[in-house]
Amino acid sequence: MADVIDRGNEQAEYLLEVALARRPQLPVGPSATHCDDCDEPIPALRREKVAGCTTCVECQRIREVKRG
């Protein structure tokens, strides 16, 4: 019986690791002052509220639409 429980725990741990690896990685660090895509200035409020952002709102929206 312990073998079944051990296998179940191993499978649950594996599935958790897979799920964590698939989650989107959040940017870390200071936000860019200008958009990586269009080179327009990124508003100060966006830089404050979205840590590590590298795109303006419009370019981020386009990226998300393309990503699906």
N, C-alpha and C. Protein backbone atom coordinates (compact mmCIF):
# COMPACT_ATOMS: atom_id res chain seq x y z
N MET A 1 0.82 -1.19 0.00
CA MET A 1 0.00 0.00 0.00
C MET A 1 0.86 1.26 0.00
N ALA A 2 1.97 1.22 0.71
CA ALA A 2 2.85 2.39 0.77
C ALA A 2 3.42 2.71 -0.61
N ASP A 3 3.64 1.68 -1.44
CA ASP A 3 4.17 1.93 -2.78
C ASP A 3 3.21 2.77 -3.61
N VAL A 4 1.92 2.49 -3.52
CA VAL A 4 0.91 3.24 -4.26
C VAL A 4 0.89 4.69 -3.79
N ILE A 5 0.98 4.90 -2.50
CA ILE A 5 0.99 6.25 -1.94
C ILE A 5 2.26 6.98 -2.36
N ASP A 6 3.40 6.29 -2.31
CA ASP A 6 4.66 6.90 -2.73
C ASP A 6 4.60 7.32 -4.19
N ARG A 7 4.08 6.44 -5.04
CA ARG A 7 3.97 6.77 -6.47
C ARG A 7 3.04 7.96 -6.68
N GLY A 8 1.96 7.99 -5.93
CA GLY A 8 1.02 9.12 -6.02
C GLY A 8 1.66 10.43 -5.61
N ASN A 9 2.44 10.39 -4.54
CA ASN A 9 3.15 11.59 -4.09
C ASN A 9 4.20 12.03 -5.10
N GLU A 10 4.92 11.07 -5.68
CA GLU A 10 5.92 11.40 -6.70
C GLU A 10 5.26 12.03 -7.93
N GLN A 11 4.12 11.48 -8.33
CA GLN A 11 3.42 12.03 -9.49
C GLN A 11 2.90 13.44 -9.19
N ALA A 12 2.36 13.65 -8.00
CA ALA A 12 1.88 14.98 -7.62
C ALA A 12 3.02 15.98 -7.60
N GLU A 13 4.16 15.58 -7.09
CA GLU A 13 5.34 16.46 -7.06
C GLU A 13 5.79 16.79 -8.47
N TYR A 14 5.82 15.79 -9.34
CA TYR A 14 6.20 16.01 -10.73
C TYR A 14 5.25 16.99 -11.42
N LEU A 15 3.95 16.79 -11.24
CA LEU A 15 2.97 17.67 -11.88
C LEU A 15 3.08 19.10 -11.36
N LEU A 16 3.38 19.26 -10.09
CA LEU A 16 3.59 20.59 -9.52
C LEU A 16 4.82 21.25 -10.15
N GLU A 17 5.91 20.51 -10.30
CA GLU A 17 7.12 21.05 -10.92
C GLU A 17 6.86 21.47 -12.36
N VAL A 18 6.10 20.68 -13.10
CA VAL A 18 5.77 21.01 -14.49
C VAL A 18 4.93 22.28 -14.53
N ALA A 19 3.94 22.38 -13.66
CA ALA A 19 3.07 23.56 -13.63
C ALA A 19 3.86 24.81 -13.29
N LEU A 20 4.77 24.71 -12.33
CA LEU A 20 5.58 25.87 -11.96
C LEU A 20 6.52 26.28 -13.08
N ALA A 21 7.05 25.32 -13.81
CA ALA A 21 7.95 25.63 -14.93
C ALA A 21 7.21 26.31 -16.07
N ARG A 22 5.92 26.02 -16.23
CA ARG A 22 5.14 26.58 -17.33
C ARG A 22 4.58 27.97 -17.04
N ARG A 23 4.54 28.36 -15.79
CA ARG A 23 3.93 29.65 -15.47
C ARG A 23 4.79 30.78 -16.03
N PRO A 24 4.13 31.86 -16.40
CA PRO A 24 4.89 33.00 -16.95
C PRO A 24 5.84 33.57 -15.90
N GLN A 25 7.01 33.91 -16.32
CA GLN A 25 7.97 34.51 -15.42
C GLN A 25 7.73 36.02 -15.36
N LEU A 26 7.57 36.55 -14.16
CA LEU A 26 7.35 37.97 -14.00
C LEU A 26 8.67 38.71 -14.06
N PRO A 27 8.68 39.87 -14.70
CA PRO A 27 9.92 40.64 -14.77
C PRO A 27 10.37 41.07 -13.37
N VAL A 28 11.65 41.14 -13.20
CA VAL A 28 12.23 41.55 -11.93
C VAL A 28 13.22 42.66 -12.22
N GLY A 29 13.29 43.62 -11.32
CA GLY A 29 14.24 44.69 -11.48
C GLY A 29 13.57 45.98 -11.92
N PRO A 30 14.37 46.96 -12.23
CA PRO A 30 13.81 48.27 -12.60
C PRO A 30 13.12 48.22 -13.97
N SER A 31 12.10 49.04 -14.11
CA SER A 31 11.39 49.15 -15.38
C SER A 31 12.20 49.98 -16.36
N ALA A 32 12.02 49.71 -17.64
CA ALA A 32 12.69 50.49 -18.68
C ALA A 32 12.03 51.86 -18.79
N THR A 33 12.77 52.84 -19.22
CA THR A 33 12.20 54.17 -19.41
C THR A 33 11.57 54.32 -20.79
N HIS A 34 12.04 53.50 -21.75
CA HIS A 34 11.50 53.53 -23.11
C HIS A 34 11.13 52.11 -23.54
N CYS A 35 10.08 52.00 -24.33
CA CYS A 35 9.56 50.72 -24.80
C CYS A 35 10.58 49.99 -25.67
N ASP A 36 10.76 48.71 -25.42
CA ASP A 36 11.67 47.89 -26.23
C ASP A 36 11.19 47.75 -27.67
N ASP A 37 9.87 47.83 -27.88
CA ASP A 37 9.32 47.60 -29.22
C ASP A 37 9.21 48.86 -30.07
N CYS A 38 8.70 49.96 -29.48
CA CYS A 38 8.46 51.17 -30.27
C CYS A 38 9.35 52.34 -29.88
N ASP A 39 10.12 52.21 -28.83
CA ASP A 39 11.06 53.21 -28.33
C ASP A 39 10.38 54.48 -27.81
N GLU A 40 9.07 54.42 -27.57
CA GLU A 40 8.36 55.55 -26.96
C GLU A 40 8.60 55.51 -25.45
N PRO A 41 8.54 56.67 -24.78
CA PRO A 41 8.70 56.67 -23.31
C PRO A 41 7.58 55.88 -22.63
N ILE A 42 7.94 55.15 -21.60
CA ILE A 42 6.95 54.42 -20.80
C ILE A 42 6.53 55.36 -19.68
N PRO A 43 5.22 55.62 -19.53
CA PRO A 43 4.75 56.54 -18.48
C PRO A 43 5.23 56.12 -17.08
N ALA A 44 5.52 57.13 -16.26
CA ALA A 44 6.03 56.89 -14.91
C ALA A 44 5.09 56.01 -14.10
N LEU A 45 3.79 56.21 -14.21
CA LEU A 45 2.83 55.42 -13.44
C LEU A 45 2.93 53.94 -13.81
N ARG A 46 3.07 53.64 -15.09
CA ARG A 46 3.23 52.24 -15.50
C ARG A 46 4.52 51.66 -14.94
N ARG A 47 5.60 52.42 -15.01
CA ARG A 47 6.89 51.94 -14.48
C ARG A 47 6.80 51.66 -12.99
N GLU A 48 6.01 52.48 -12.26
CA GLU A 48 5.85 52.27 -10.81
C GLU A 48 4.99 51.06 -10.51
N LYS A 49 3.90 50.88 -11.26
CA LYS A 49 2.92 49.84 -10.95
C LYS A 49 3.28 48.47 -11.51
N VAL A 50 4.08 48.43 -12.58
CA VAL A 50 4.44 47.16 -13.22
C VAL A 50 5.96 47.02 -13.14
N ALA A 51 6.41 46.40 -12.06
CA ALA A 51 7.85 46.25 -11.84
C ALA A 51 8.50 45.50 -12.99
N GLY A 52 9.58 46.05 -13.49
CA GLY A 52 10.35 45.38 -14.53
C GLY A 52 9.75 45.46 -15.92
N CYS A 53 8.75 46.33 -16.13
CA CYS A 53 8.14 46.40 -17.46
C CYS A 53 9.14 46.93 -18.48
N THR A 54 9.03 46.43 -19.69
CA THR A 54 9.94 46.84 -20.76
C THR A 54 9.20 47.33 -21.99
N THR A 55 7.86 47.34 -21.93
CA THR A 55 7.06 47.78 -23.06
C THR A 55 5.98 48.75 -22.60
N CYS A 56 5.52 49.58 -23.53
CA CYS A 56 4.39 50.45 -23.24
C CYS A 56 3.12 49.60 -23.25
N VAL A 57 2.02 50.18 -22.83
CA VAL A 57 0.76 49.44 -22.72
C VAL A 57 0.34 48.88 -24.08
N GLU A 58 0.41 49.70 -25.12
CA GLU A 58 -0.04 49.27 -26.45
C GLU A 58 0.82 48.12 -26.98
N CYS A 59 2.11 48.23 -26.87
CA CYS A 59 2.98 47.15 -27.35
C CYS A 59 2.79 45.87 -26.53
N GLN A 60 2.56 46.01 -25.23
CA GLN A 60 2.29 44.83 -24.40
C GLN A 60 1.00 44.17 -24.84
N ARG A 61 -0.02 44.97 -25.15
CA ARG A 61 -1.29 44.42 -25.62
C ARG A 61 -1.08 43.65 -26.92
N ILE A 62 -0.30 44.20 -27.83
CA ILE A 62 -0.01 43.52 -29.10
C ILE A 62 0.70 42.20 -28.85
N ARG A 63 1.67 42.19 -27.94
CA ARG A 63 2.38 40.94 -27.61
C ARG A 63 1.43 39.88 -27.08
N GLU A 64 0.51 40.30 -26.22
CA GLU A 64 -0.42 39.35 -25.63
C GLU A 64 -1.41 38.81 -26.66
N VAL A 65 -1.83 39.65 -27.60
CA VAL A 65 -2.73 39.20 -28.66
C VAL A 65 -2.01 38.18 -29.54
N LYS A 66 -0.77 38.46 -29.89
CA LYS A 66 0.01 37.53 -30.72
C LYS A 66 0.24 36.20 -30.01
N ARG A 67 0.46 36.27 -28.70
CA ARG A 67 0.73 35.07 -27.91
C ARG A 67 -0.52 34.21 -27.80
N GLY A 68 -1.69 34.85 -27.87
CA GLY A 68 -2.94 34.09 -27.82
C GLY A 68 -3.47 34.03 -26.48
